[in-house]
N, C-alpha and C. Protein backbone atom coordinates (compact mmCIF):
# COMPACT_ATOMS: atom_id res chain seq x y z
N MET A 1 52.03 -21.99 -25.08
CA MET A 1 50.81 -23.07 -25.28
C MET A 1 50.23 -23.03 -24.24
N ILE A 2 51.06 -23.02 -23.00
CA ILE A 2 50.16 -23.00 -21.44
C ILE A 2 49.52 -21.87 -21.26
N ASN A 3 50.06 -20.78 -21.57
CA ASN A 3 49.63 -19.71 -21.47
C ASN A 3 48.30 -19.00 -22.08
N LYS A 4 48.01 -19.48 -23.60
CA LYS A 4 46.96 -19.91 -24.18
C LYS A 4 45.56 -20.63 -23.23
N LEU A 5 46.41 -21.77 -22.70
CA LEU A 5 44.95 -22.30 -21.97
C LEU A 5 44.63 -21.97 -21.04
N LEU A 6 46.06 -21.31 -20.07
CA LEU A 6 45.23 -20.51 -18.84
C LEU A 6 44.50 -19.13 -19.33
N ASN A 7 44.90 -18.52 -20.33
CA ASN A 7 44.08 -17.45 -20.58
C ASN A 7 42.69 -18.09 -20.97
N LYS A 8 42.51 -19.02 -22.06
CA LYS A 8 41.01 -19.64 -22.14
C LYS A 8 40.47 -19.89 -20.81
N ASN A 9 41.18 -20.99 -19.59
CA ASN A 9 40.46 -21.05 -18.85
C ASN A 9 40.08 -19.65 -17.89
N LYS A 10 40.83 -18.73 -17.54
CA LYS A 10 40.15 -17.37 -17.10
C LYS A 10 38.71 -16.89 -17.71
N ILE A 11 38.94 -17.15 -19.25
CA ILE A 11 37.90 -16.29 -19.30
C ILE A 11 36.34 -17.22 -19.48
N THR A 12 36.76 -18.55 -19.20
CA THR A 12 35.52 -19.43 -19.33
C THR A 12 35.22 -19.29 -17.71
N ASN A 13 36.12 -19.41 -16.84
CA ASN A 13 35.84 -18.99 -15.53
C ASN A 13 35.03 -17.93 -15.29
N ASN A 14 35.68 -16.89 -15.91
CA ASN A 14 34.87 -15.55 -15.70
C ASN A 14 33.30 -15.78 -16.24
N LEU A 15 33.37 -15.99 -17.40
CA LEU A 15 31.98 -16.39 -17.84
C LEU A 15 31.03 -16.96 -16.98
N ILE A 16 31.50 -18.19 -16.56
CA ILE A 16 30.59 -19.02 -15.64
C ILE A 16 30.20 -18.27 -14.55
N PHE A 17 31.20 -17.55 -14.11
CA PHE A 17 30.95 -16.66 -12.82
C PHE A 17 30.18 -15.67 -12.77
N VAL A 18 30.20 -14.81 -14.11
CA VAL A 18 29.08 -13.98 -14.13
C VAL A 18 27.66 -14.56 -14.56
N GLY A 19 27.76 -15.55 -15.24
CA GLY A 19 26.15 -16.41 -15.35
C GLY A 19 25.62 -16.73 -14.26
N LEU A 20 26.23 -17.82 -13.34
CA LEU A 20 25.83 -18.13 -11.71
C LEU A 20 25.42 -16.80 -11.29
N SER A 21 26.59 -15.82 -11.02
CA SER A 21 25.83 -14.59 -10.56
C SER A 21 24.31 -14.41 -10.72
N PHE A 22 24.02 -13.85 -12.04
CA PHE A 22 22.73 -13.48 -12.58
C PHE A 22 21.97 -14.57 -12.38
N PHE A 23 22.17 -15.68 -12.37
CA PHE A 23 20.84 -16.47 -11.94
C PHE A 23 20.35 -16.71 -10.26
N ILE A 24 21.52 -16.54 -9.66
CA ILE A 24 21.79 -16.75 -8.45
C ILE A 24 20.54 -15.10 -7.95
N PHE A 25 21.06 -14.14 -8.58
CA PHE A 25 20.26 -13.20 -8.09
C PHE A 25 19.18 -13.51 -8.75
N SER A 26 18.84 -13.87 -9.68
CA SER A 26 17.18 -13.86 -10.34
C SER A 26 16.44 -14.46 -9.59
N ILE A 27 17.30 -15.65 -8.50
CA ILE A 27 16.28 -16.51 -7.77
C ILE A 27 16.28 -16.57 -6.27
N ASN A 28 16.92 -15.44 -5.79
CA ASN A 28 17.41 -14.99 -4.36
C ASN A 28 16.36 -14.33 -3.98
N PRO A 29 15.47 -15.04 -2.98
CA PRO A 29 14.02 -14.77 -2.03
C PRO A 29 14.11 -13.21 -1.74
N LEU A 30 15.55 -12.77 -1.17
CA LEU A 30 15.84 -11.09 -0.61
C LEU A 30 15.80 -10.37 -1.81
N THR A 31 16.05 -10.74 -3.14
CA THR A 31 16.04 -9.75 -4.22
C THR A 31 14.46 -9.89 -4.92
N LEU A 32 13.70 -11.17 -4.94
CA LEU A 32 12.68 -11.18 -5.21
C LEU A 32 11.60 -9.58 -5.01
N GLY A 33 11.81 -9.64 -3.20
CA GLY A 33 11.22 -7.98 -3.11
C GLY A 33 11.54 -7.30 -3.63
N PHE A 34 12.32 -7.20 -3.52
CA PHE A 34 12.98 -5.60 -4.39
C PHE A 34 12.65 -5.63 -6.17
N VAL A 35 12.60 -6.79 -6.61
CA VAL A 35 11.88 -6.49 -8.26
C VAL A 35 10.81 -6.31 -7.92
N ASN A 36 9.88 -7.53 -7.29
CA ASN A 36 8.54 -6.84 -7.28
C ASN A 36 7.86 -5.61 -7.16
N VAL A 37 8.56 -4.49 -6.30
CA VAL A 37 8.14 -3.52 -6.00
C VAL A 37 7.56 -3.16 -7.53
N PHE A 38 8.78 -2.64 -8.35
CA PHE A 38 8.34 -2.58 -9.29
C PHE A 38 7.62 -3.25 -10.72
N SER A 39 7.39 -4.46 -10.23
CA SER A 39 6.50 -4.71 -11.28
C SER A 39 4.83 -5.26 -10.80
N GLU A 40 4.55 -4.87 -9.42
CA GLU A 40 3.07 -5.21 -9.11
C GLU A 40 2.49 -3.51 -9.44
N ASP A 41 1.40 -3.87 -9.65
CA ASP A 41 0.27 -2.67 -10.06
C ASP A 41 0.44 -1.96 -8.98
N ASN A 42 0.23 -0.62 -9.02
CA ASN A 42 0.11 0.56 -8.19
C ASN A 42 -1.09 1.15 -8.09
N GLU A 43 -1.52 0.98 -7.19
CA GLU A 43 -3.26 1.30 -6.90
C GLU A 43 -3.21 2.82 -6.43
N LYS A 44 -3.72 3.57 -7.28
CA LYS A 44 -3.68 5.22 -7.02
C LYS A 44 -4.94 5.24 -6.71
N ASP A 45 -5.92 4.63 -6.68
CA ASP A 45 -7.45 5.13 -6.26
C ASP A 45 -8.02 5.30 -4.73
N LEU A 46 -7.73 6.40 -4.56
CA LEU A 46 -7.94 6.57 -2.87
C LEU A 46 -9.27 6.27 -2.09
N ASN A 47 -10.24 5.86 -3.35
CA ASN A 47 -11.43 5.56 -2.78
C ASN A 47 -11.63 3.92 -2.54
N LYS A 48 -10.60 3.67 -2.73
CA LYS A 48 -10.22 2.04 -2.77
C LYS A 48 -10.02 1.83 -0.66
N TYR A 49 -9.24 2.72 -0.45
CA TYR A 49 -9.04 2.64 1.09
C TYR A 49 -10.21 3.32 1.65
N ASP A 50 -10.55 2.41 3.17
CA ASP A 50 -11.69 2.78 4.17
C ASP A 50 -11.21 3.76 5.10
N ASP A 51 -10.19 3.77 5.34
CA ASP A 51 -9.48 4.94 6.39
C ASP A 51 -7.83 5.15 6.11
N ILE A 52 -7.83 6.06 7.06
CA ILE A 52 -6.26 6.49 7.23
C ILE A 52 -5.38 5.38 7.50
N GLU A 53 -5.47 4.27 7.96
CA GLU A 53 -4.35 3.52 8.69
C GLU A 53 -4.72 2.52 7.55
N GLU A 54 -5.60 2.31 6.85
CA GLU A 54 -5.23 1.06 5.44
C GLU A 54 -4.73 1.66 4.49
N LEU A 55 -5.08 3.48 4.42
CA LEU A 55 -3.76 4.19 3.22
C LEU A 55 -2.35 3.87 3.79
N ALA A 56 -2.04 3.93 4.80
CA ALA A 56 -1.01 4.11 5.30
C ALA A 56 0.20 3.02 5.21
N GLU A 57 -1.05 1.77 5.58
CA GLU A 57 -0.25 0.24 5.48
C GLU A 57 -0.08 0.23 4.06
N ALA A 58 -0.88 0.56 2.77
CA ALA A 58 -0.70 0.33 1.60
C ALA A 58 0.72 1.50 1.09
N ILE A 59 0.48 2.36 2.04
CA ILE A 59 2.08 3.42 1.34
C ILE A 59 3.16 2.80 1.75
N ASP A 60 3.39 1.89 3.29
CA ASP A 60 4.09 1.32 3.44
C ASP A 60 4.71 0.13 2.96
N ASP A 61 3.37 -0.50 2.49
CA ASP A 61 3.73 -1.52 1.53
C ASP A 61 4.12 -1.20 0.22
N ASN A 62 4.46 -0.02 -0.35
CA ASN A 62 4.39 0.08 -1.81
C ASN A 62 3.42 -0.41 -2.40
N LYS A 63 2.35 -0.38 -2.13
CA LYS A 63 0.91 -0.62 -2.84
C LYS A 63 0.15 0.70 -3.50
N PHE A 64 0.39 1.80 -2.98
CA PHE A 64 0.23 3.01 -3.12
C PHE A 64 1.43 3.82 -3.04
N ASP A 65 1.53 4.40 -3.98
CA ASP A 65 2.61 5.34 -4.59
C ASP A 65 2.37 6.73 -5.33
N ASP A 66 1.98 7.61 -4.86
CA ASP A 66 1.56 8.58 -5.64
C ASP A 66 2.42 9.82 -4.98
N ASP A 67 3.18 10.99 -5.67
CA ASP A 67 4.00 11.78 -5.04
C ASP A 67 3.34 13.64 -5.55
N ASP A 68 2.40 12.99 -6.08
CA ASP A 68 1.26 14.29 -7.00
C ASP A 68 -0.19 14.03 -6.64
N ILE A 69 -0.55 13.57 -5.15
CA ILE A 69 -1.93 13.62 -4.70
C ILE A 69 -2.53 15.31 -4.86
N ASN A 70 -3.67 15.18 -5.82
CA ASN A 70 -4.25 16.78 -5.60
C ASN A 70 -5.27 16.66 -4.10
N TRP A 71 -4.47 17.77 -3.59
CA TRP A 71 -4.95 18.47 -2.24
C TRP A 71 -6.62 18.36 -2.29
N LYS A 72 -7.24 18.84 -3.01
CA LYS A 72 -9.02 19.43 -3.02
C LYS A 72 -9.30 17.90 -2.89
N ASP A 73 -9.02 17.26 -4.02
CA ASP A 73 -9.36 15.66 -4.19
C ASP A 73 -9.37 14.72 -2.61
N PHE A 74 -8.35 14.88 -2.07
CA PHE A 74 -7.66 14.31 -0.84
C PHE A 74 -8.52 14.48 0.33
N LYS A 75 -8.73 16.11 0.25
CA LYS A 75 -9.39 16.54 1.44
C LYS A 75 -11.00 15.92 1.62
N SER A 76 -11.18 15.96 0.35
CA SER A 76 -12.83 15.37 0.37
C SER A 76 -13.08 13.91 0.42
N THR A 77 -12.09 13.13 0.81
CA THR A 77 -12.16 12.06 0.93
C THR A 77 -12.74 11.38 2.42
N THR A 78 -13.11 10.29 2.38
CA THR A 78 -13.71 9.79 3.57
C THR A 78 -12.09 9.45 4.55
N ILE A 79 -11.28 9.12 4.04
CA ILE A 79 -10.05 8.95 4.58
C ILE A 79 -9.53 10.17 5.64
N TYR A 80 -9.66 11.19 4.57
CA TYR A 80 -8.96 12.48 5.78
C TYR A 80 -10.15 13.12 6.32
N LYS A 81 -11.66 13.04 5.89
CA LYS A 81 -12.67 13.09 6.80
C LYS A 81 -12.43 12.64 8.37
N GLU A 82 -12.34 11.42 8.40
CA GLU A 82 -12.52 10.52 9.51
C GLU A 82 -11.18 10.29 10.38
N ALA A 83 -9.89 11.38 9.72
CA ALA A 83 -8.79 10.85 10.78
C ALA A 83 -9.20 11.80 11.68
N ASP A 84 -8.00 11.54 12.55
CA ASP A 84 -8.04 12.62 13.88
C ASP A 84 -7.48 14.09 13.54
N ASP A 85 -8.09 14.46 14.72
CA ASP A 85 -7.65 16.54 14.10
C ASP A 85 -6.28 16.33 14.25
N GLU A 86 -5.27 16.22 14.74
CA GLU A 86 -3.63 16.31 14.49
C GLU A 86 -3.43 15.60 13.26
N THR A 87 -3.82 14.76 12.96
CA THR A 87 -3.41 14.08 11.54
C THR A 87 -3.75 14.86 10.72
N GLN A 88 -5.32 15.39 10.54
CA GLN A 88 -5.80 16.19 9.78
C GLN A 88 -5.14 17.43 9.70
N ASP A 89 -4.56 18.03 10.77
CA ASP A 89 -3.75 19.50 10.70
C ASP A 89 -2.49 19.42 10.03
N CYS A 90 -1.77 18.03 10.57
CA CYS A 90 -0.49 17.53 9.99
C CYS A 90 -0.56 17.72 8.66
N ILE A 91 -1.59 16.88 7.69
CA ILE A 91 -1.59 16.38 6.64
C ILE A 91 -1.99 18.05 5.52
N GLU A 92 -2.73 18.66 6.35
CA GLU A 92 -3.25 19.78 5.59
C GLU A 92 -1.87 21.11 5.84
N ASP A 93 -0.96 20.84 6.78
CA ASP A 93 0.44 21.72 6.66
C ASP A 93 1.18 21.26 5.81
N ALA A 94 1.03 20.04 5.49
CA ALA A 94 2.41 19.02 4.34
C ALA A 94 1.57 20.01 3.20
N ALA A 95 0.18 19.73 2.83
CA ALA A 95 -0.33 19.93 1.62
C ALA A 95 0.21 21.35 1.06
N GLU A 96 0.02 22.50 2.34
CA GLU A 96 0.37 23.65 1.70
C GLU A 96 1.57 24.23 1.31
N LEU A 97 2.66 23.00 2.14
CA LEU A 97 4.12 23.12 1.76
C LEU A 97 4.38 23.46 0.35
N GLY A 98 3.84 22.83 -0.65
CA GLY A 98 3.91 22.57 -1.83
C GLY A 98 2.37 22.45 -2.81
N ASN A 99 2.50 22.87 -3.70
CA ASN A 99 1.01 22.64 -4.64
C ASN A 99 0.48 21.20 -4.60
N ASN A 100 1.13 20.46 -3.76
CA ASN A 100 0.44 18.69 -4.19
C ASN A 100 0.63 18.39 -2.71
N LEU A 101 0.46 17.19 -2.68
CA LEU A 101 0.45 16.09 -1.53
C LEU A 101 1.24 14.89 -1.74
N SER A 102 2.03 14.54 -0.95
CA SER A 102 3.00 13.30 -1.28
C SER A 102 2.52 11.92 -0.40
N ASP A 103 2.23 11.01 -1.13
CA ASP A 103 2.44 9.76 -0.04
C ASP A 103 3.15 9.59 1.20
N TYR A 104 4.36 10.15 1.09
CA TYR A 104 5.22 9.67 2.29
C TYR A 104 4.68 11.03 3.32
N GLU A 105 3.95 11.73 2.96
CA GLU A 105 4.01 13.33 3.89
C GLU A 105 2.76 12.49 4.75
N ILE A 106 1.64 11.58 4.03
CA ILE A 106 0.41 11.25 4.94
C ILE A 106 0.68 10.09 5.67
N LEU A 107 1.82 9.39 4.99
CA LEU A 107 2.37 8.03 6.24
C LEU A 107 2.89 8.56 7.00
N ASP A 108 3.62 9.98 7.21
CA ASP A 108 4.68 10.71 8.19
C ASP A 108 3.66 11.06 9.10
N CYS A 109 2.57 11.82 8.85
CA CYS A 109 1.56 12.39 10.01
C CYS A 109 0.99 11.36 10.46
N TYR A 110 0.35 10.38 9.58
CA TYR A 110 -0.38 9.00 10.63
C TYR A 110 0.77 8.41 11.31
N ASP A 111 1.84 8.35 11.09
CA ASP A 111 2.89 7.45 12.11
C ASP A 111 2.99 8.92 13.34
N GLU A 112 3.09 9.78 13.15
CA GLU A 112 3.35 10.95 14.15
C GLU A 112 1.94 10.90 14.84
N TYR A 113 0.91 10.99 14.67
CA TYR A 113 -0.10 11.06 15.27
C TYR A 113 -1.12 9.86 15.88
N ASP A 114 -0.75 8.62 15.21
CA ASP A 114 -1.85 7.53 15.78
C ASP A 114 -1.18 7.10 16.94
């Protein structure tokens, strides 16, 4: 009889623990940012950004996320044309290594030559 009560209490305690864990995870401010990364709209329109600095900030903040940027399209943007020569060369080298350009490559070039 006592064993049955103890097992019942263990099950109840485990259920309470699991329920509280899910509740705490859902309201924890540290986890909200992680969850929001996946729920925010991802703006892939390059024309929205005025310069390489603004685009780099958006990439760093996960507001722009695109691993398949068309090199020809990007090369014709104001963002690329107004970037300094070293940043342009870096981005062009990155684009030539693959069939496309990734957002992190733009960010890396910006960080390296800014």
